[in-house]
Amino acid sequence: MRLLKEHALVIGVALLGALTFALYTWAEYGFFCDQGRDHGNQGCEGFWSNAHLHDWIYNAASNWQSELWFGVLIVILLRKLQTGNEDEAE
């Protein structure tokens, strides 16, 4: 229990990161399918198709800087909140 308490910030940010990555992946696949329909495709290519993987990697690579800054901001804000709560407890 002590380990969880000491590393709650890291665990929380890691869970938030994994959750947002999963949501990004789901939303990006939906966008990929919508784009395909707009260009005349009858169905949606599979998730592991080369076309989708190319799109997914391209979009993730083009967005990593903003995701990094957002993640750093979350860590800073959570750290401030955590140290603020420790100051009040004393």
PDB file of N, CA and C in Angstrom:
ATOM      1  N   MET A   1       0.819  -1.188   0.000  1.00  0.00           N
ATOM      2  CA  MET A   1       0.000   0.000   0.000  1.00  0.00           C
ATOM      3  C   MET A   1       0.869   1.260   0.000  1.00  0.00           C
ATOM      4  N   ARG A   2       1.988   1.188   0.690  1.00  0.00           N
ATOM      5  CA  ARG A   2       2.886   2.338   0.749  1.00  0.00           C
ATOM      6  C   ARG A   2       3.447   2.667  -0.640  1.00  0.00           C
ATOM      7  N   LEU A   3       3.740   1.609  -1.393  1.00  0.00           N
ATOM      8  CA  LEU A   3       4.260   1.796  -2.751  1.00  0.00           C
ATOM      9  C   LEU A   3       3.243   2.565  -3.609  1.00  0.00           C
ATOM     10  N   LEU A   4       1.974   2.199  -3.505  1.00  0.00           N
ATOM     11  CA  LEU A   4       0.935   2.901  -4.273  1.00  0.00           C
ATOM     12  C   LEU A   4       0.829   4.362  -3.850  1.00  0.00           C
ATOM     13  N   LYS A   5       0.921   4.612  -2.562  1.00  0.00           N
ATOM     14  CA  LYS A   5       0.802   5.976  -2.066  1.00  0.00           C
ATOM     15  C   LYS A   5       1.974   6.848  -2.522  1.00  0.00           C
ATOM     16  N   GLU A   6       3.174   6.270  -2.491  1.00  0.00           N
ATOM     17  CA  GLU A   6       4.365   7.037  -2.886  1.00  0.00           C
ATOM     18  C   GLU A   6       4.424   7.279  -4.391  1.00  0.00           C
ATOM     19  N   HIS A   7       3.883   6.360  -5.166  1.00  0.00           N
ATOM     20  CA  HIS A   7       3.978   6.473  -6.624  1.00  0.00           C
ATOM     21  C   HIS A   7       2.627   6.721  -7.282  1.00  0.00           C
ATOM     22  N   ALA A   8       1.695   7.272  -6.539  1.00  0.00           N
ATOM     23  CA  ALA A   8       0.347   7.496  -7.071  1.00  0.00           C
ATOM     24  C   ALA A   8       0.358   8.412  -8.288  1.00  0.00           C
ATOM     25  N   LEU A   9       1.193   9.425  -8.277  1.00  0.00           N
ATOM     26  CA  LEU A   9       1.250  10.353  -9.407  1.00  0.00           C
ATOM     27  C   LEU A   9       1.721   9.644 -10.675  1.00  0.00           C
ATOM     28  N   VAL A  10       2.781   8.871 -10.562  1.00  0.00           N
ATOM     29  CA  VAL A  10       3.320   8.152 -11.726  1.00  0.00           C
ATOM     30  C   VAL A  10       2.300   7.138 -12.239  1.00  0.00           C
ATOM     31  N   ILE A  11       1.685   6.410 -11.330  1.00  0.00           N
ATOM     32  CA  ILE A  11       0.689   5.410 -11.731  1.00  0.00           C
ATOM     33  C   ILE A  11      -0.517   6.092 -12.378  1.00  0.00           C
ATOM     34  N   GLY A  12      -0.962   7.186 -11.796  1.00  0.00           N
ATOM     35  CA  GLY A  12      -2.100   7.916 -12.360  1.00  0.00           C
ATOM     36  C   GLY A  12      -1.819   8.453 -13.750  1.00  0.00           C
ATOM     37  N   VAL A  13      -0.647   9.034 -13.941  1.00  0.00           N
ATOM     38  CA  VAL A  13      -0.295   9.577 -15.257  1.00  0.00           C
ATOM     39  C   VAL A  13      -0.114   8.446 -16.273  1.00  0.00           C
ATOM     40  N   ALA A  14       0.461   7.329 -15.852  1.00  0.00           N
ATOM     41  CA  ALA A  14       0.621   6.187 -16.763  1.00  0.00           C
ATOM     42  C   ALA A  14      -0.741   5.635 -17.188  1.00  0.00           C
ATOM     43  N   LEU A  15      -1.663   5.518 -16.247  1.00  0.00           N
ATOM     44  CA  LEU A  15      -3.014   5.050 -16.593  1.00  0.00           C
ATOM     45  C   LEU A  15      -3.728   6.037 -17.505  1.00  0.00           C
ATOM     46  N   LEU A  16      -3.588   7.315 -17.216  1.00  0.00           N
ATOM     47  CA  LEU A  16      -4.195   8.337 -18.066  1.00  0.00           C
ATOM     48  C   LEU A  16      -3.598   8.294 -19.475  1.00  0.00           C
ATOM     49  N   GLY A  17      -2.290   8.104 -19.564  1.00  0.00           N
ATOM     50  CA  GLY A  17      -1.636   7.995 -20.867  1.00  0.00           C
ATOM     51  C   GLY A  17      -2.127   6.793 -21.653  1.00  0.00           C
ATOM     52  N   ALA A  18      -2.228   5.638 -20.987  1.00  0.00           N
ATOM     53  CA  ALA A  18      -2.713   4.432 -21.664  1.00  0.00           C
ATOM     54  C   ALA A  18      -4.162   4.598 -22.119  1.00  0.00           C
ATOM     55  N   LEU A  19      -4.981   5.206 -21.272  1.00  0.00           N
ATOM     56  CA  LEU A  19      -6.380   5.429 -21.625  1.00  0.00           C
ATOM     57  C   LEU A  19      -6.513   6.374 -22.818  1.00  0.00           C
ATOM     58  N   THR A  20      -5.773   7.472 -22.820  1.00  0.00           N
ATOM     59  CA  THR A  20      -5.875   8.417 -23.936  1.00  0.00           C
ATOM     60  C   THR A  20      -5.323   7.813 -25.220  1.00  0.00           C
ATOM     61  N   PHE A  21      -4.291   6.964 -25.116  1.00  0.00           N
ATOM     62  CA  PHE A  21      -3.759   6.308 -26.306  1.00  0.00           C
ATOM     63  C   PHE A  21      -4.793   5.341 -26.884  1.00  0.00           C
ATOM     64  N   ALA A  22      -5.492   4.619 -26.011  1.00  0.00           N
ATOM     65  CA  ALA A  22      -6.535   3.709 -26.481  1.00  0.00           C
ATOM     66  C   ALA A  22      -7.679   4.484 -27.130  1.00  0.00           C
ATOM     67  N   LEU A  23      -8.081   5.594 -26.514  1.00  0.00           N
ATOM     68  CA  LEU A  23      -9.141   6.418 -27.107  1.00  0.00           C
ATOM     69  C   LEU A  23      -8.711   7.026 -28.436  1.00  0.00           C
ATOM     70  N   TYR A  24      -7.456   7.462 -28.517  1.00  0.00           N
ATOM     71  CA  TYR A  24      -6.933   7.996 -29.776  1.00  0.00           C
ATOM     72  C   TYR A  24      -6.986   6.928 -30.863  1.00  0.00           C
ATOM     73  N   THR A  25      -6.569   5.713 -30.526  1.00  0.00           N
ATOM     74  CA  THR A  25      -6.545   4.626 -31.505  1.00  0.00           C
ATOM     75  C   THR A  25      -7.950   4.331 -32.010  1.00  0.00           C
ATOM     76  N   TRP A  26      -8.918   4.277 -31.109  1.00  0.00           N
ATOM     77  CA  TRP A  26     -10.302   4.008 -31.489  1.00  0.00           C
ATOM     78  C   TRP A  26     -10.841   5.134 -32.379  1.00  0.00           C
ATOM     79  N   ALA A  27     -10.612   6.377 -31.979  1.00  0.00           N
ATOM     80  CA  ALA A  27     -11.117   7.518 -32.747  1.00  0.00           C
ATOM     81  C   ALA A  27     -10.430   7.616 -34.103  1.00  0.00           C
ATOM     82  N   GLU A  28      -9.150   7.332 -34.143  1.00  0.00           N
ATOM     83  CA  GLU A  28      -8.408   7.431 -35.403  1.00  0.00           C
ATOM     84  C   GLU A  28      -8.897   6.377 -36.392  1.00  0.00           C
ATOM     85  N   TYR A  29      -9.211   5.182 -35.905  1.00  0.00           N
ATOM     86  CA  TYR A  29      -9.723   4.149 -36.801  1.00  0.00           C
ATOM     87  C   TYR A  29     -11.088   4.547 -37.359  1.00  0.00           C
ATOM     88  N   GLY A  30     -11.930   5.131 -36.531  1.00  0.00           N
ATOM     89  CA  GLY A  30     -13.219   5.625 -37.022  1.00  0.00           C
ATOM     90  C   GLY A  30     -13.052   6.702 -38.077  1.00  0.00           C
ATOM     91  N   PHE A  31     -12.105   7.609 -37.849  1.00  0.00           N
ATOM     92  CA  PHE A  31     -11.827   8.660 -38.820  1.00  0.00           C
ATOM     93  C   PHE A  31     -11.298   8.058 -40.122  1.00  0.00           C
ATOM     94  N   PHE A  32     -10.442   7.050 -40.010  1.00  0.00           N
ATOM     95  CA  PHE A  32      -9.895   6.358 -41.178  1.00  0.00           C
ATOM     96  C   PHE A  32     -11.023   5.744 -42.000  1.00  0.00           C
ATOM     97  N   CYS A  33     -11.979   5.105 -41.333  1.00  0.00           N
ATOM     98  CA  CYS A  33     -13.112   4.493 -42.039  1.00  0.00           C
ATOM     99  C   CYS A  33     -13.989   5.554 -42.705  1.00  0.00           C
ATOM    100  N   ASP A  34     -14.230   6.650 -42.013  1.00  0.00           N
ATOM    101  CA  ASP A  34     -15.020   7.740 -42.597  1.00  0.00           C
ATOM    102  C   ASP A  34     -14.339   8.320 -43.826  1.00  0.00           C
ATOM    103  N   GLN A  35     -13.036   8.494 -43.769  1.00  0.00           N
ATOM    104  CA  GLN A  35     -12.297   9.000 -44.928  1.00  0.00           C
ATOM    105  C   GLN A  35     -12.424   8.043 -46.103  1.00  0.00           C
ATOM    106  N   GLY A  36     -12.332   6.760 -45.814  1.00  0.00           N
ATOM    107  CA  GLY A  36     -12.467   5.766 -46.883  1.00  0.00           C
ATOM    108  C   GLY A  36     -13.823   5.829 -47.550  1.00  0.00           C
ATOM    109  N   ARG A  37     -14.876   5.977 -46.756  1.00  0.00           N
ATOM    110  CA  ARG A  37     -16.222   6.085 -47.325  1.00  0.00           C
ATOM    111  C   ARG A  37     -16.373   7.351 -48.159  1.00  0.00           C
ATOM    112  N   ASP A  38     -15.749   8.447 -47.708  1.00  0.00           N
ATOM    113  CA  ASP A  38     -15.810   9.695 -48.466  1.00  0.00           C
ATOM    114  C   ASP A  38     -15.118   9.575 -49.820  1.00  0.00           C
ATOM    115  N   HIS A  39     -14.163   8.655 -49.910  1.00  0.00           N
ATOM    116  CA  HIS A  39     -13.420   8.487 -51.163  1.00  0.00           C
ATOM    117  C   HIS A  39     -13.945   7.314 -51.986  1.00  0.00           C
ATOM    118  N   GLY A  40     -15.120   6.806 -51.626  1.00  0.00           N
ATOM    119  CA  GLY A  40     -15.778   5.812 -52.464  1.00  0.00           C
ATOM    120  C   GLY A  40     -15.566   4.367 -52.071  1.00  0.00           C
ATOM    121  N   ASN A  41     -14.877   4.078 -50.989  1.00  0.00           N
ATOM    122  CA  ASN A  41     -14.717   2.688 -50.561  1.00  0.00           C
ATOM    123  C   ASN A  41     -16.042   2.170 -50.021  1.00  0.00           C
ATOM    124  N   GLN A  42     -16.354   0.914 -50.329  1.00  0.00           N
ATOM    125  CA  GLN A  42     -17.604   0.326 -49.858  1.00  0.00           C
ATOM    126  C   GLN A  42     -17.543  -0.016 -48.373  1.00  0.00           C
ATOM    127  N   GLY A  43     -16.480  -0.653 -47.959  1.00  0.00           N
ATOM    128  CA  GLY A  43     -16.327  -1.051 -46.562  1.00  0.00           C
ATOM    129  C   GLY A  43     -15.093  -0.407 -45.964  1.00  0.00           C
ATOM    130  N   CYS A  44     -14.833  -0.767 -44.756  1.00  0.00           N
ATOM    131  CA  CYS A  44     -13.661  -0.233 -44.068  1.00  0.00           C
ATOM    132  C   CYS A  44     -12.577  -1.313 -44.050  1.00  0.00           C
ATOM    133  N   GLU A  45     -11.368  -0.913 -44.398  1.00  0.00           N
ATOM    134  CA  GLU A  45     -10.266  -1.875 -44.335  1.00  0.00           C
ATOM    135  C   GLU A  45     -10.028  -2.258 -42.887  1.00  0.00           C
ATOM    136  N   GLY A  46      -9.427  -3.405 -42.680  1.00  0.00           N
ATOM    137  CA  GLY A  46      -9.179  -3.897 -41.341  1.00  0.00           C
ATOM    138  C   GLY A  46      -8.214  -3.020 -40.560  1.00  0.00           C
ATOM    139  N   PHE A  47      -8.271  -3.154 -39.239  1.00  0.00           N
ATOM    140  CA  PHE A  47      -7.401  -2.359 -38.375  1.00  0.00           C
ATOM    141  C   PHE A  47      -5.928  -2.601 -38.691  1.00  0.00           C
ATOM    142  N   TRP A  48      -5.558  -3.841 -38.952  1.00  0.00           N
ATOM    143  CA  TRP A  48      -4.150  -4.180 -39.197  1.00  0.00           C
ATOM    144  C   TRP A  48      -3.762  -4.075 -40.667  1.00  0.00           C
ATOM    145  N   SER A  49      -4.589  -3.481 -41.498  1.00  0.00           N
ATOM    146  CA  SER A  49      -4.236  -3.324 -42.912  1.00  0.00           C
ATOM    147  C   SER A  49      -3.091  -2.319 -43.049  1.00  0.00           C
ATOM    148  N   ASN A  50      -2.329  -2.438 -44.112  1.00  0.00           N
ATOM    149  CA  ASN A  50      -1.199  -1.524 -44.336  1.00  0.00           C
ATOM    150  C   ASN A  50      -1.652  -0.071 -44.441  1.00  0.00           C
ATOM    151  N   ALA A  51      -2.789   0.150 -45.087  1.00  0.00           N
ATOM    152  CA  ALA A  51      -3.275   1.520 -45.249  1.00  0.00           C
ATOM    153  C   ALA A  51      -3.615   2.144 -43.896  1.00  0.00           C
ATOM    154  N   HIS A  52      -4.279   1.379 -43.035  1.00  0.00           N
ATOM    155  CA  HIS A  52      -4.625   1.942 -41.736  1.00  0.00           C
ATOM    156  C   HIS A  52      -3.394   2.114 -40.858  1.00  0.00           C
ATOM    157  N   LEU A  53      -2.513   1.128 -40.837  1.00  0.00           N
ATOM    158  CA  LEU A  53      -1.304   1.263 -40.017  1.00  0.00           C
ATOM    159  C   LEU A  53      -0.476   2.462 -40.452  1.00  0.00           C
ATOM    160  N   HIS A  54      -0.414   2.705 -41.761  1.00  0.00           N
ATOM    161  CA  HIS A  54       0.307   3.875 -42.253  1.00  0.00           C
ATOM    162  C   HIS A  54      -0.336   5.149 -41.718  1.00  0.00           C
ATOM    163  N   ASP A  55      -1.659   5.245 -41.824  1.00  0.00           N
ATOM    164  CA  ASP A  55      -2.395   6.414 -41.324  1.00  0.00           C
ATOM    165  C   ASP A  55      -2.198   6.592 -39.817  1.00  0.00           C
ATOM    166  N   TRP A  56      -2.318   5.499 -39.083  1.00  0.00           N
ATOM    167  CA  TRP A  56      -2.214   5.519 -37.626  1.00  0.00           C
ATOM    168  C   TRP A  56      -0.838   5.990 -37.175  1.00  0.00           C
ATOM    169  N   ILE A  57       0.201   5.439 -37.777  1.00  0.00           N
ATOM    170  CA  ILE A  57       1.574   5.829 -37.426  1.00  0.00           C
ATOM    171  C   ILE A  57       1.842   7.274 -37.834  1.00  0.00           C
ATOM    172  N   TYR A  58       1.396   7.660 -39.020  1.00  0.00           N
ATOM    173  CA  TYR A  58       1.600   9.034 -39.488  1.00  0.00           C
ATOM    174  C   TYR A  58       0.943  10.036 -38.546  1.00  0.00           C
ATOM    175  N   ASN A  59      -0.311   9.772 -38.169  1.00  0.00           N
ATOM    176  CA  ASN A  59      -1.032  10.692 -37.288  1.00  0.00           C
ATOM    177  C   ASN A  59      -0.421  10.721 -35.885  1.00  0.00           C
ATOM    178  N   ALA A  60      -0.015   9.566 -35.382  1.00  0.00           N
ATOM    179  CA  ALA A  60       0.612   9.533 -34.057  1.00  0.00           C
ATOM    180  C   ALA A  60       1.946  10.282 -34.081  1.00  0.00           C
ATOM    181  N   ALA A  61       2.711  10.102 -35.140  1.00  0.00           N
ATOM    182  CA  ALA A  61       4.017  10.770 -35.235  1.00  0.00           C
ATOM    183  C   ALA A  61       3.859  12.280 -35.403  1.00  0.00           C
ATOM    184  N   SER A  62       2.802  12.716 -36.055  1.00  0.00           N
ATOM    185  CA  SER A  62       2.626  14.150 -36.248  1.00  0.00           C
ATOM    186  C   SER A  62       2.056  14.836 -35.017  1.00  0.00           C
ATOM    187  N   ASN A  63       1.514  14.055 -34.086  1.00  0.00           N
ATOM    188  CA  ASN A  63       0.893  14.640 -32.894  1.00  0.00           C
ATOM    189  C   ASN A  63       1.710  14.464 -31.622  1.00  0.00           C
ATOM    190  N   TRP A  64       2.854  13.805 -31.680  1.00  0.00           N
ATOM    191  CA  TRP A  64       3.544  13.466 -30.439  1.00  0.00           C
ATOM    192  C   TRP A  64       4.034  14.683 -29.666  1.00  0.00           C
ATOM    193  N   GLN A  65       4.380  15.770 -30.357  1.00  0.00           N
ATOM    194  CA  GLN A  65       4.869  16.951 -29.642  1.00  0.00           C
ATOM    195  C   GLN A  65       3.783  17.568 -28.765  1.00  0.00           C
ATOM    196  N   SER A  66       2.590  17.723 -29.313  1.00  0.00           N
ATOM    197  CA  SER A  66       1.517  18.312 -28.516  1.00  0.00           C
ATOM    198  C   SER A  66       1.109  17.380 -27.382  1.00  0.00           C
ATOM    199  N   GLU A  67       1.128  16.075 -27.625  1.00  0.00           N
ATOM    200  CA  GLU A  67       0.812  15.115 -26.564  1.00  0.00           C
ATOM    201  C   GLU A  67       1.860  15.176 -25.464  1.00  0.00           C
ATOM    202  N   LEU A  68       3.116  15.338 -25.842  1.00  0.00           N
ATOM    203  CA  LEU A  68       4.185  15.431 -24.848  1.00  0.00           C
ATOM    204  C   LEU A  68       4.002  16.671 -23.984  1.00  0.00           C
ATOM    205  N   TRP A  69       3.736  17.811 -24.605  1.00  0.00           N
ATOM    206  CA  TRP A  69       3.540  19.045 -23.834  1.00  0.00           C
ATOM    207  C   TRP A  69       2.330  18.941 -22.923  1.00  0.00           C
ATOM    208  N   PHE A  70       1.265  18.331 -23.414  1.00  0.00           N
ATOM    209  CA  PHE A  70       0.075  18.150 -22.598  1.00  0.00           C
ATOM    210  C   PHE A  70       0.373  17.227 -21.411  1.00  0.00           C
ATOM    211  N   GLY A  71       1.131  16.161 -21.654  1.00  0.00           N
ATOM    212  CA  GLY A  71       1.507  15.250 -20.581  1.00  0.00           C
ATOM    213  C   GLY A  71       2.376  15.924 -19.538  1.00  0.00           C
ATOM    214  N   VAL A  72       3.327  16.742 -19.979  1.00  0.00           N
ATOM    215  CA  VAL A  72       4.184  17.470 -19.048  1.00  0.00           C
ATOM    216  C   VAL A  72       3.347  18.443 -18.212  1.00  0.00           C
ATOM    217  N   LEU A  73       2.405  19.116 -18.850  1.00  0.00           N
ATOM    218  CA  LEU A  73       1.535  20.041 -18.133  1.00  0.00           C
ATOM    219  C   LEU A  73       0.708  19.316 -17.066  1.00  0.00           C
ATOM    220  N   ILE A  74       0.182  18.150 -17.418  1.00  0.00           N
ATOM    221  CA  ILE A  74      -0.592  17.373 -16.444  1.00  0.00           C
ATOM    222  C   ILE A  74       0.271  16.972 -15.255  1.00  0.00           C
ATOM    223  N   VAL A  75       1.497  16.522 -15.530  1.00  0.00           N
ATOM    224  CA  VAL A  75       2.396  16.121 -14.442  1.00  0.00           C
ATOM    225  C   VAL A  75       2.701  17.320 -13.538  1.00  0.00           C
ATOM    226  N   ILE A  76       2.976  18.468 -14.126  1.00  0.00           N
ATOM    227  CA  ILE A  76       3.275  19.660 -13.327  1.00  0.00           C
ATOM    228  C   ILE A  76       2.073  20.043 -12.464  1.00  0.00           C
ATOM    229  N   LEU A  77       0.887  20.068 -13.066  1.00  0.00           N
ATOM    230  CA  LEU A  77      -0.316  20.436 -12.307  1.00  0.00           C
ATOM    231  C   LEU A  77      -0.613  19.435 -11.192  1.00  0.00           C
ATOM    232  N   LEU A  78      -0.498  18.155 -11.502  1.00  0.00           N
ATOM    233  CA  LEU A  78      -0.749  17.148 -10.472  1.00  0.00           C
ATOM    234  C   LEU A  78       0.297  17.206  -9.368  1.00  0.00           C
ATOM    235  N   ARG A  79       1.525  17.488  -9.741  1.00  0.00           N
ATOM    236  CA  ARG A  79       2.592  17.602  -8.733  1.00  0.00           C
ATOM    237  C   ARG A  79       2.327  18.793  -7.815  1.00  0.00           C
ATOM    238  N   LYS A  80       1.878  19.911  -8.404  1.00  0.00           N
ATOM    239  CA  LYS A  80       1.535  21.087  -7.595  1.00  0.00           C
ATOM    240  C   LYS A  80       0.389  20.762  -6.633  1.00  0.00           C
ATOM    241  N   LEU A  81      -0.629  20.052  -7.134  1.00  0.00           N
ATOM    242  CA  LEU A  81      -1.742  19.669  -6.280  1.00  0.00           C
ATOM    243  C   LEU A  81      -1.289  18.730  -5.164  1.00  0.00           C
ATOM    244  N   GLN A  82      -0.408  17.793  -5.521  1.00  0.00           N
ATOM    245  CA  GLN A  82       0.081  16.834  -4.536  1.00  0.00           C
ATOM    246  C   GLN A  82       0.896  17.529  -3.447  1.00  0.00           C
ATOM    247  N   THR A  83       1.798  18.428  -3.820  1.00  0.00           N
ATOM    248  CA  THR A  83       2.603  19.131  -2.819  1.00  0.00           C
ATOM    249  C   THR A  83       1.746  20.101  -2.025  1.00  0.00           C
ATOM    250  N   GLY A  84       0.705  20.660  -2.645  1.00  0.00           N
ATOM    251  CA  GLY A  84      -0.209  21.545  -1.930  1.00  0.00           C
ATOM    252  C   GLY A  84      -0.970  20.791  -0.850  1.00  0.00           C
ATOM    253  N   ASN A  85      -1.393  19.557  -1.147  1.00  0.00           N
ATOM    254  CA  ASN A  85      -2.106  18.754  -0.164  1.00  0.00           C
ATOM    255  C   ASN A  85      -1.184  18.313   0.971  1.00  0.00           C
ATOM    256  N   GLU A  86       0.088  18.070   0.668  1.00  0.00           N
ATOM    257  CA  GLU A  86       1.040  17.680   1.707  1.00  0.00           C
ATOM    258  C   GLU A  86       1.320  18.872   2.633  1.00  0.00           C
ATOM    259  N   ASP A  87       1.381  20.068   2.078  1.00  0.00           N
ATOM    260  CA  ASP A  87       1.604  21.269   2.902  1.00  0.00           C
ATOM    261  C   ASP A  87       0.431  21.494   3.851  1.00  0.00           C
ATOM    262  N   GLU A  88      -0.789  21.276   3.363  1.00  0.00           N
ATOM    263  CA  GLU A  88      -1.963  21.465   4.202  1.00  0.00           C
ATOM    264  C   GLU A  88      -2.026  20.430   5.314  1.00  0.00           C
ATOM    265  N   ALA A  89      -1.525  19.206   5.054  1.00  0.00           N
ATOM    266  CA  ALA A  89      -1.568  18.131   6.041  1.00  0.00           C
ATOM    267  C   ALA A  89      -0.616  18.409   7.208  1.00  0.00           C
ATOM    268  N   GLU A  90       0.438  19.144   6.941  1.00  0.00           N
ATOM    269  CA  GLU A  90       1.411  19.451   7.999  1.00  0.00           C
ATOM    270  C   GLU A  90       0.908  20.509   8.874  1.00  0.00           C
TER     271      GLU A  90
END
